[in-house]
Amino acid sequence: VIRSIAWHPHRNMIALADENDAVYVYERAGSEWKCSLLRHPFMRDISCIEWKKRTRGTLAVGCRSGVCVWNTGSESDNTVDVSAMNYLCSPGHENISSIAWDPTPGSHLLAAASRTTSTIVVYDTLTLSTMPVKRAGNGNLLLRWSPSGRWLYVATKSGTSRIWDTLNWQYRELNNPPGLWVQSACWAPDSKSLFLSMHGKSDVHLVYWPDEKNGTGKVSNHGREYASCSYVAC
């Protein structure tokens, strides 16, 4: 059973994480596909994987107790040496549910969410430092960093969403429709529109602001104004 899958943003590479807590990295070499295996005792209960942009092969793997960051760029063997992995963890921040790289050029920031605490931990993978972004709550479901690097979207388990401004780490909170939780989310390339889907529903929800610099704007739903979110039928 495949738990997570990620295609490299710039190369012919795809990573697959399976139920046995192994990650298989396939890279196209000419007419063939070369496979490398990533495995480590820290990689238990893999939940998510994500490639870092503008790198040859930096892959983050969200696990039970932290995040394993692998450098697969210079390996020629089928199994990547464990020395190519950095293990990132923070006390009390376990059961990783989602991870997101900051896409800003030159940035080495990686955000991690937990199913059991609403604190977001932002790791600097260059200096190996951590910055906890604390909020009250019982856990988060997913993270999505905007293409501009300005906004970090967080879907919580309590039926709300937060959009963090990474310039000052302040946020605005959005209430989901009553009784619904976010299943998936995707930013538009201009970082002004965020599309959301809810668990068990076929509607698409849109969060939009025309002023990306200030994060302000208005939204509507079939002619009706909403404070923070509009609903668009699929």
C-alpha atoms as a PDB file:
ATOM      1  CA  VAL A   1       0.000   0.000   0.000  1.00  0.00           C
ATOM      2  CA  ILE A   2       1.351   3.410  -0.992  1.00  0.00           C
ATOM      3  CA  ARG A   3       1.039   6.017   1.757  1.00  0.00           C
ATOM      4  CA  SER A   4       2.405   9.040  -0.088  1.00  0.00           C
ATOM      5  CA  ILE A   5       3.730   9.966  -3.506  1.00  0.00           C
ATOM      6  CA  ALA A   6       5.648  13.006  -4.776  1.00  0.00           C
ATOM      7  CA  TRP A   7       6.970  14.001  -8.195  1.00  0.00           C
ATOM      8  CA  HIS A   8      10.140  16.102  -8.305  1.00  0.00           C
ATOM      9  CA  PRO A   9       9.308  19.665  -9.465  1.00  0.00           C
ATOM     10  CA  HIS A  10      12.239  19.920 -11.913  1.00  0.00           C
ATOM     11  CA  ARG A  11      13.504  16.414 -12.703  1.00  0.00           C
ATOM     12  CA  ASN A  12      12.198  13.077 -13.926  1.00  0.00           C
ATOM     13  CA  MET A  13      12.083  11.669 -10.400  1.00  0.00           C
ATOM     14  CA  ILE A  14       9.221  10.263  -8.350  1.00  0.00           C
ATOM     15  CA  ALA A  15       9.219   9.118  -4.724  1.00  0.00           C
ATOM     16  CA  LEU A  16       6.861   6.522  -3.267  1.00  0.00           C
ATOM     17  CA  ALA A  17       6.443   5.778   0.454  1.00  0.00           C
ATOM     18  CA  ASP A  18       4.898   2.414   1.296  1.00  0.00           C
ATOM     19  CA  GLU A  19       3.279   0.846   4.360  1.00  0.00           C
ATOM     20  CA  ASN A  20       6.566  -0.842   5.305  1.00  0.00           C
ATOM     21  CA  ASP A  21       8.135   2.564   6.024  1.00  0.00           C
ATOM     22  CA  ALA A  22      10.407   2.519   3.000  1.00  0.00           C
ATOM     23  CA  VAL A  23      10.707   5.203   0.335  1.00  0.00           C
ATOM     24  CA  TYR A  24      11.525   4.237  -3.248  1.00  0.00           C
ATOM     25  CA  VAL A  25      12.970   6.957  -5.474  1.00  0.00           C
ATOM     26  CA  TYR A  26      12.713   6.351  -9.207  1.00  0.00           C
ATOM     27  CA  GLU A  27      14.792   8.501 -11.565  1.00  0.00           C
ATOM     28  CA  ARG A  28      14.745   8.290 -15.321  1.00  0.00           C
ATOM     29  CA  ALA A  29      18.168   7.707 -16.865  1.00  0.00           C
ATOM     30  CA  GLY A  30      17.863   7.609 -20.649  1.00  0.00           C
ATOM     31  CA  SER A  31      15.262   5.004 -21.512  1.00  0.00           C
ATOM     32  CA  GLU A  32      15.412   3.305 -18.101  1.00  0.00           C
ATOM     33  CA  TRP A  33      14.278   4.068 -14.582  1.00  0.00           C
ATOM     34  CA  LYS A  34      16.814   3.741 -11.772  1.00  0.00           C
ATOM     35  CA  CYS A  35      15.465   2.933  -8.284  1.00  0.00           C
ATOM     36  CA  SER A  36      17.021   3.957  -4.953  1.00  0.00           C
ATOM     37  CA  LEU A  37      15.818   2.854  -1.529  1.00  0.00           C
ATOM     38  CA  LEU A  38      15.549   5.150   1.500  1.00  0.00           C
ATOM     39  CA  ARG A  39      15.211   3.379   4.826  1.00  0.00           C
ATOM     40  CA  HIS A  40      16.052   4.311   8.427  1.00  0.00           C
ATOM     41  CA  PRO A  41      14.858   3.255  11.929  1.00  0.00           C
ATOM     42  CA  PHE A  42      13.553   6.812  12.485  1.00  0.00           C
ATOM     43  CA  MET A  43      11.235   6.456   9.482  1.00  0.00           C
ATOM     44  CA  ARG A  44       8.265   4.897  11.254  1.00  0.00           C
ATOM     45  CA  ASP A  45       4.641   5.547  10.321  1.00  0.00           C
ATOM     46  CA  ILE A  46       5.459   7.633   7.247  1.00  0.00           C
ATOM     47  CA  SER A  47       2.620  10.041   6.534  1.00  0.00           C
ATOM     48  CA  CYS A  48       3.889  12.455   3.868  1.00  0.00           C
ATOM     49  CA  ILE A  49       6.814  13.236   1.565  1.00  0.00           C
ATOM     50  CA  GLU A  50       7.779  16.378  -0.324  1.00  0.00           C
ATOM     51  CA  TRP A  51      10.645  17.392  -2.621  1.00  0.00           C
ATOM     52  CA  LYS A  52      12.462  20.683  -2.100  1.00  0.00           C
ATOM     53  CA  LYS A  53      12.403  22.987  -5.102  1.00  0.00           C
ATOM     54  CA  ARG A  54      15.625  24.092  -6.801  1.00  0.00           C
ATOM     55  CA  THR A  55      17.582  21.099  -5.564  1.00  0.00           C
ATOM     56  CA  ARG A  56      18.655  17.961  -7.337  1.00  0.00           C
ATOM     57  CA  GLY A  57      17.269  15.525  -4.816  1.00  0.00           C
ATOM     58  CA  THR A  58      16.367  16.857  -1.355  1.00  0.00           C
ATOM     59  CA  LEU A  59      13.369  14.944  -0.029  1.00  0.00           C
ATOM     60  CA  ALA A  60      11.564  15.445   3.301  1.00  0.00           C
ATOM     61  CA  VAL A  61       9.767  12.472   4.863  1.00  0.00           C
ATOM     62  CA  GLY A  62       7.226  13.069   7.640  1.00  0.00           C
ATOM     63  CA  CYS A  63       7.217  10.289  10.246  1.00  0.00           C
ATOM     64  CA  ARG A  64       5.908   9.411  13.705  1.00  0.00           C
ATOM     65  CA  SER A  65       8.448  11.388  15.733  1.00  0.00           C
ATOM     66  CA  GLY A  66       9.893  13.915  13.286  1.00  0.00           C
ATOM     67  CA  VAL A  67      11.043  14.573   9.735  1.00  0.00           C
ATOM     68  CA  CYS A  68      13.836  12.825   7.836  1.00  0.00           C
ATOM     69  CA  VAL A  69      15.481  15.022   5.187  1.00  0.00           C
ATOM     70  CA  TRP A  70      17.404  13.028   2.592  1.00  0.00           C
ATOM     71  CA  ASN A  71      19.920  14.193   0.011  1.00  0.00           C
ATOM     72  CA  THR A  72      19.599  11.729  -2.846  1.00  0.00           C
ATOM     73  CA  GLY A  73      21.470  13.823  -5.385  1.00  0.00           C
ATOM     74  CA  SER A  74      24.846  12.090  -5.554  1.00  0.00           C
ATOM     75  CA  GLU A  75      24.042   8.440  -4.979  1.00  0.00           C
ATOM     76  CA  SER A  76      24.900   5.750  -7.488  1.00  0.00           C
ATOM     77  CA  ASP A  77      23.971   2.693  -5.435  1.00  0.00           C
ATOM     78  CA  ASN A  78      20.492   1.268  -5.042  1.00  0.00           C
ATOM     79  CA  THR A  79      20.418   2.082  -1.317  1.00  0.00           C
ATOM     80  CA  VAL A  80      21.149   5.657  -0.194  1.00  0.00           C
ATOM     81  CA  ASP A  81      23.614   5.833   2.709  1.00  0.00           C
ATOM     82  CA  VAL A  82      22.133   6.984   6.016  1.00  0.00           C
ATOM     83  CA  SER A  83      24.816   9.692   6.239  1.00  0.00           C
ATOM     84  CA  ALA A  84      22.842  11.513   3.542  1.00  0.00           C
ATOM     85  CA  MET A  85      19.943  12.021   5.997  1.00  0.00           C
ATOM     86  CA  ASN A  86      19.298  14.715   8.627  1.00  0.00           C
ATOM     87  CA  TYR A  87      16.713  13.937  11.292  1.00  0.00           C
ATOM     88  CA  LEU A  88      14.633  16.906  12.451  1.00  0.00           C
ATOM     89  CA  CYS A  89      12.543  16.714  15.604  1.00  0.00           C
ATOM     90  CA  SER A  90      11.157  18.948  18.331  1.00  0.00           C
ATOM     91  CA  PRO A  91      10.081  17.914  21.863  1.00  0.00           C
ATOM     92  CA  GLY A  92       6.382  17.089  22.024  1.00  0.00           C
ATOM     93  CA  HIS A  93       5.917  17.491  18.267  1.00  0.00           C
ATOM     94  CA  GLU A  94       5.085  13.996  17.010  1.00  0.00           C
ATOM     95  CA  ASN A  95       2.711  12.188  14.642  1.00  0.00           C
ATOM     96  CA  ILE A  96       3.587  14.407  11.701  1.00  0.00           C
ATOM     97  CA  SER A  97       0.557  14.928   9.473  1.00  0.00           C
ATOM     98  CA  SER A  98       1.895  17.276   6.791  1.00  0.00           C
ATOM     99  CA  ILE A  99       5.084  19.032   5.677  1.00  0.00           C
ATOM    100  CA  ALA A 100       5.740  21.988   3.352  1.00  0.00           C
ATOM    101  CA  TRP A 101       8.913  23.551   1.968  1.00  0.00           C
ATOM    102  CA  ASP A 102       9.221  27.323   1.678  1.00  0.00           C
ATOM    103  CA  PRO A 103       9.484  27.876  -2.109  1.00  0.00           C
ATOM    104  CA  THR A 104      11.252  31.249  -1.751  1.00  0.00           C
ATOM    105  CA  PRO A 105      14.583  31.156  -3.659  1.00  0.00           C
ATOM    106  CA  GLY A 106      17.460  30.655  -1.236  1.00  0.00           C
ATOM    107  CA  SER A 107      15.210  29.563   1.619  1.00  0.00           C
ATOM    108  CA  HIS A 108      15.907  26.371   3.583  1.00  0.00           C
ATOM    109  CA  LEU A 109      12.757  26.467   5.718  1.00  0.00           C
ATOM    110  CA  LEU A 110      10.576  23.406   6.182  1.00  0.00           C
ATOM    111  CA  ALA A 111       7.268  23.530   8.077  1.00  0.00           C
ATOM    112  CA  ALA A 112       5.859  20.469   9.840  1.00  0.00           C
ATOM    113  CA  ALA A 113       2.379  19.901  11.295  1.00  0.00           C
ATOM    114  CA  SER A 114       1.263  17.366  13.899  1.00  0.00           C
ATOM    115  CA  ARG A 115      -1.996  15.463  14.316  1.00  0.00           C
ATOM    116  CA  THR A 116      -1.800  15.819  18.109  1.00  0.00           C
ATOM    117  CA  THR A 117      -0.755  19.439  18.672  1.00  0.00           C
ATOM    118  CA  SER A 118      -1.621  22.678  16.880  1.00  0.00           C
ATOM    119  CA  THR A 119       1.955  23.970  17.093  1.00  0.00           C
ATOM    120  CA  ILE A 120       3.650  24.298  13.714  1.00  0.00           C
ATOM    121  CA  VAL A 121       7.410  23.740  13.794  1.00  0.00           C
ATOM    122  CA  VAL A 122       9.466  25.566  11.172  1.00  0.00           C
ATOM    123  CA  TYR A 123      12.905  24.009  10.683  1.00  0.00           C
ATOM    124  CA  ASP A 124      15.856  25.753   9.079  1.00  0.00           C
ATOM    125  CA  THR A 125      17.517  22.822   7.370  1.00  0.00           C
ATOM    126  CA  LEU A 126      20.713  24.798   6.756  1.00  0.00           C
ATOM    127  CA  THR A 127      21.392  25.824  10.369  1.00  0.00           C
ATOM    128  CA  LEU A 128      19.362  22.947  11.885  1.00  0.00           C
ATOM    129  CA  SER A 129      17.489  25.437  14.072  1.00  0.00           C
ATOM    130  CA  THR A 130      13.778  25.337  14.933  1.00  0.00           C
ATOM    131  CA  MET A 131      11.033  27.904  15.381  1.00  0.00           C
ATOM    132  CA  PRO A 132       7.777  26.701  16.985  1.00  0.00           C
ATOM    133  CA  VAL A 133       4.680  28.620  15.904  1.00  0.00           C
ATOM    134  CA  LYS A 134       2.326  27.934  18.792  1.00  0.00           C
ATOM    135  CA  ARG A 135      -1.475  28.025  18.805  1.00  0.00           C
ATOM    136  CA  ALA A 136      -4.033  26.307  21.028  1.00  0.00           C
ATOM    137  CA  GLY A 137      -5.814  23.263  19.599  1.00  0.00           C
ATOM    138  CA  ASN A 138      -5.749  19.501  19.218  1.00  0.00           C
ATOM    139  CA  GLY A 139      -3.837  19.088  15.981  1.00  0.00           C
ATOM    140  CA  ASN A 140      -3.473  20.056  12.334  1.00  0.00           C
ATOM    141  CA  LEU A 141      -4.384  18.195   9.171  1.00  0.00           C
ATOM    142  CA  LEU A 142      -2.300  19.725   6.393  1.00  0.00           C
ATOM    143  CA  LEU A 143       0.020  22.538   5.321  1.00  0.00           C
ATOM    144  CA  ARG A 144       0.320  24.375   2.019  1.00  0.00           C
ATOM    145  CA  TRP A 145       2.960  27.055   1.400  1.00  0.00           C
ATOM    146  CA  SER A 146       2.001  29.612  -1.257  1.00  0.00           C
ATOM    147  CA  PRO A 147       4.156  29.773  -4.408  1.00  0.00           C
ATOM    148  CA  SER A 148       5.343  33.279  -3.450  1.00  0.00           C
ATOM    149  CA  GLY A 149       6.516  32.050  -0.048  1.00  0.00           C
ATOM    150  CA  ARG A 150       4.477  34.756   1.701  1.00  0.00           C
ATOM    151  CA  TRP A 151       1.595  32.658   3.039  1.00  0.00           C
ATOM    152  CA  LEU A 152       1.437  29.367   4.927  1.00  0.00           C
ATOM    153  CA  TYR A 153      -1.985  27.725   5.012  1.00  0.00           C
ATOM    154  CA  VAL A 154      -2.833  25.418   7.920  1.00  0.00           C
ATOM    155  CA  ALA A 155      -5.968  23.258   8.155  1.00  0.00           C
ATOM    156  CA  THR A 156      -6.780  22.310  11.757  1.00  0.00           C
ATOM    157  CA  LYS A 157      -8.734  19.408  13.257  1.00  0.00           C
ATOM    158  CA  SER A 158     -11.100  21.833  15.007  1.00  0.00           C
ATOM    159  CA  GLY A 159     -12.970  22.960  11.884  1.00  0.00           C
ATOM    160  CA  THR A 160     -10.958  26.136  11.291  1.00  0.00           C
ATOM    161  CA  SER A 161      -8.134  27.173   8.989  1.00  0.00           C
ATOM    162  CA  ARG A 162      -5.303  29.631   9.492  1.00  0.00           C
ATOM    163  CA  ILE A 163      -3.337  31.584   6.915  1.00  0.00           C
ATOM    164  CA  TRP A 164      -0.011  32.712   8.353  1.00  0.00           C
ATOM    165  CA  ASP A 165       1.862  35.725   7.018  1.00  0.00           C
ATOM    166  CA  THR A 166       5.475  34.552   7.089  1.00  0.00           C
ATOM    167  CA  LEU A 167       6.805  38.126   7.139  1.00  0.00           C
ATOM    168  CA  ASN A 168       5.614  38.665  10.716  1.00  0.00           C
ATOM    169  CA  TRP A 169       4.113  35.259  11.657  1.00  0.00           C
ATOM    170  CA  GLN A 170       0.673  36.693  12.309  1.00  0.00           C
ATOM    171  CA  TYR A 171      -2.387  34.899  11.004  1.00  0.00           C
ATOM    172  CA  ARG A 172      -6.005  35.273  10.022  1.00  0.00           C
ATOM    173  CA  GLU A 173      -8.453  32.531  10.942  1.00  0.00           C
ATOM    174  CA  LEU A 174     -11.160  31.131   8.683  1.00  0.00           C
ATOM    175  CA  ASN A 175     -14.139  29.105   9.858  1.00  0.00           C
ATOM    176  CA  ASN A 176     -14.989  26.064   7.769  1.00  0.00           C
ATOM    177  CA  PRO A 177     -18.626  25.403   6.871  1.00  0.00           C
ATOM    178  CA  PRO A 178     -20.332  23.872   9.940  1.00  0.00           C
ATOM    179  CA  GLY A 179     -19.345  20.267  10.602  1.00  0.00           C
ATOM    180  CA  LEU A 180     -16.773  20.072   7.781  1.00  0.00           C
ATOM    181  CA  TRP A 181     -13.020  19.502   7.756  1.00  0.00           C
ATOM    182  CA  VAL A 182     -10.532  20.252   5.000  1.00  0.00           C
ATOM    183  CA  GLN A 183      -9.549  17.228   2.928  1.00  0.00           C
ATOM    184  CA  SER A 184      -7.191  18.869   0.444  1.00  0.00           C
ATOM    185  CA  ALA A 185      -5.893  22.308  -0.525  1.00  0.00           C
ATOM    186  CA  CYS A 186      -4.072  23.874  -3.461  1.00  0.00           C
ATOM    187  CA  TRP A 187      -2.702  27.377  -4.106  1.00  0.00           C
ATOM    188  CA  ALA A 188      -3.052  29.090  -7.468  1.00  0.00           C
ATOM    189  CA  PRO A 189       0.270  30.149  -9.052  1.00  0.00           C
ATOM    190  CA  ASP A 190      -0.346  33.841  -8.233  1.00  0.00           C
ATOM    191  CA  SER A 191      -0.656  33.121  -4.468  1.00  0.00           C
ATOM    192  CA  LYS A 192      -3.958  35.040  -4.391  1.00  0.00           C
ATOM    193  CA  SER A 193      -6.344  32.090  -4.594  1.00  0.00           C
ATOM    194  CA  LEU A 194      -6.509  29.036  -2.366  1.00  0.00           C
ATOM    195  CA  PHE A 195      -8.781  26.147  -3.335  1.00  0.00           C
ATOM    196  CA  LEU A 196     -10.100  23.811  -0.634  1.00  0.00           C
ATOM    197  CA  SER A 197     -12.085  20.582  -0.671  1.00  0.00           C
ATOM    198  CA  MET A 198     -13.968  19.245   2.344  1.00  0.00           C
ATOM    199  CA  HIS A 199     -14.109  15.670   3.576  1.00  0.00           C
ATOM    200  CA  GLY A 200     -17.076  13.820   2.080  1.00  0.00           C
ATOM    201  CA  LYS A 201     -18.130  16.730  -0.163  1.00  0.00           C
ATOM    202  CA  SER A 202     -17.791  17.463  -3.882  1.00  0.00           C
ATOM    203  CA  ASP A 203     -17.797  21.260  -3.620  1.00  0.00           C
ATOM    204  CA  VAL A 204     -14.660  23.351  -4.058  1.00  0.00           C
ATOM    205  CA  HIS A 205     -14.179  26.252  -1.645  1.00  0.00           C
ATOM    206  CA  LEU A 206     -12.209  29.321  -2.672  1.00  0.00           C
ATOM    207  CA  VAL A 207     -10.304  31.769  -0.483  1.00  0.00           C
ATOM    208  CA  TYR A 208      -9.283  34.788  -2.534  1.00  0.00           C
ATOM    209  CA  TRP A 209      -7.726  38.210  -2.009  1.00  0.00           C
ATOM    210  CA  PRO A 210      -6.751  40.517  -4.907  1.00  0.00           C
ATOM    211  CA  ASP A 211      -4.037  42.320  -2.895  1.00  0.00           C
ATOM    212  CA  GLU A 212      -1.345  39.690  -2.347  1.00  0.00           C
ATOM    213  CA  LYS A 213       0.927  42.184  -0.589  1.00  0.00           C
ATOM    214  CA  ASN A 214      -1.545  43.026   2.152  1.00  0.00           C
ATOM    215  CA  GLY A 215      -3.596  39.841   2.159  1.00  0.00           C
ATOM    216  CA  THR A 216      -6.890  41.732   1.806  1.00  0.00           C
ATOM    217  CA  GLY A 217      -9.860  41.176  -0.451  1.00  0.00           C
ATOM    218  CA  LYS A 218     -13.485  40.091  -0.730  1.00  0.00           C
ATOM    219  CA  VAL A 219     -15.191  36.885  -1.751  1.00  0.00           C
ATOM    220  CA  SER A 220     -18.638  35.765  -2.790  1.00  0.00           C
ATOM    221  CA  ASN A 221     -20.834  32.718  -3.160  1.00  0.00           C
ATOM    222  CA  HIS A 222     -23.399  32.912  -5.956  1.00  0.00           C
ATOM    223  CA  GLY A 223     -23.886  36.615  -5.292  1.00  0.00           C
ATOM    224  CA  ARG A 224     -23.717  36.439  -1.488  1.00  0.00           C
ATOM    225  CA  GLU A 225     -20.820  38.088   0.342  1.00  0.00           C
ATOM    226  CA  TYR A 226     -18.742  36.142   2.865  1.00  0.00           C
ATOM    227  CA  ALA A 227     -16.112  37.497   5.235  1.00  0.00           C
ATOM    228  CA  SER A 228     -13.386  35.040   4.347  1.00  0.00           C
ATOM    229  CA  CYS A 229     -14.444  32.236   2.057  1.00  0.00           C
ATOM    230  CA  SER A 230     -16.501  31.640  -1.053  1.00  0.00           C
ATOM    231  CA  TYR A 231     -17.994  28.393  -2.303  1.00  0.00           C
ATOM    232  CA  VAL A 232     -17.660  27.292  -5.893  1.00  0.00           C
ATOM    233  CA  ALA A 233     -19.569  24.226  -7.062  1.00  0.00           C
ATOM    234  CA  CYS A 234     -17.627  21.590  -9.003  1.00  0.00           C
END
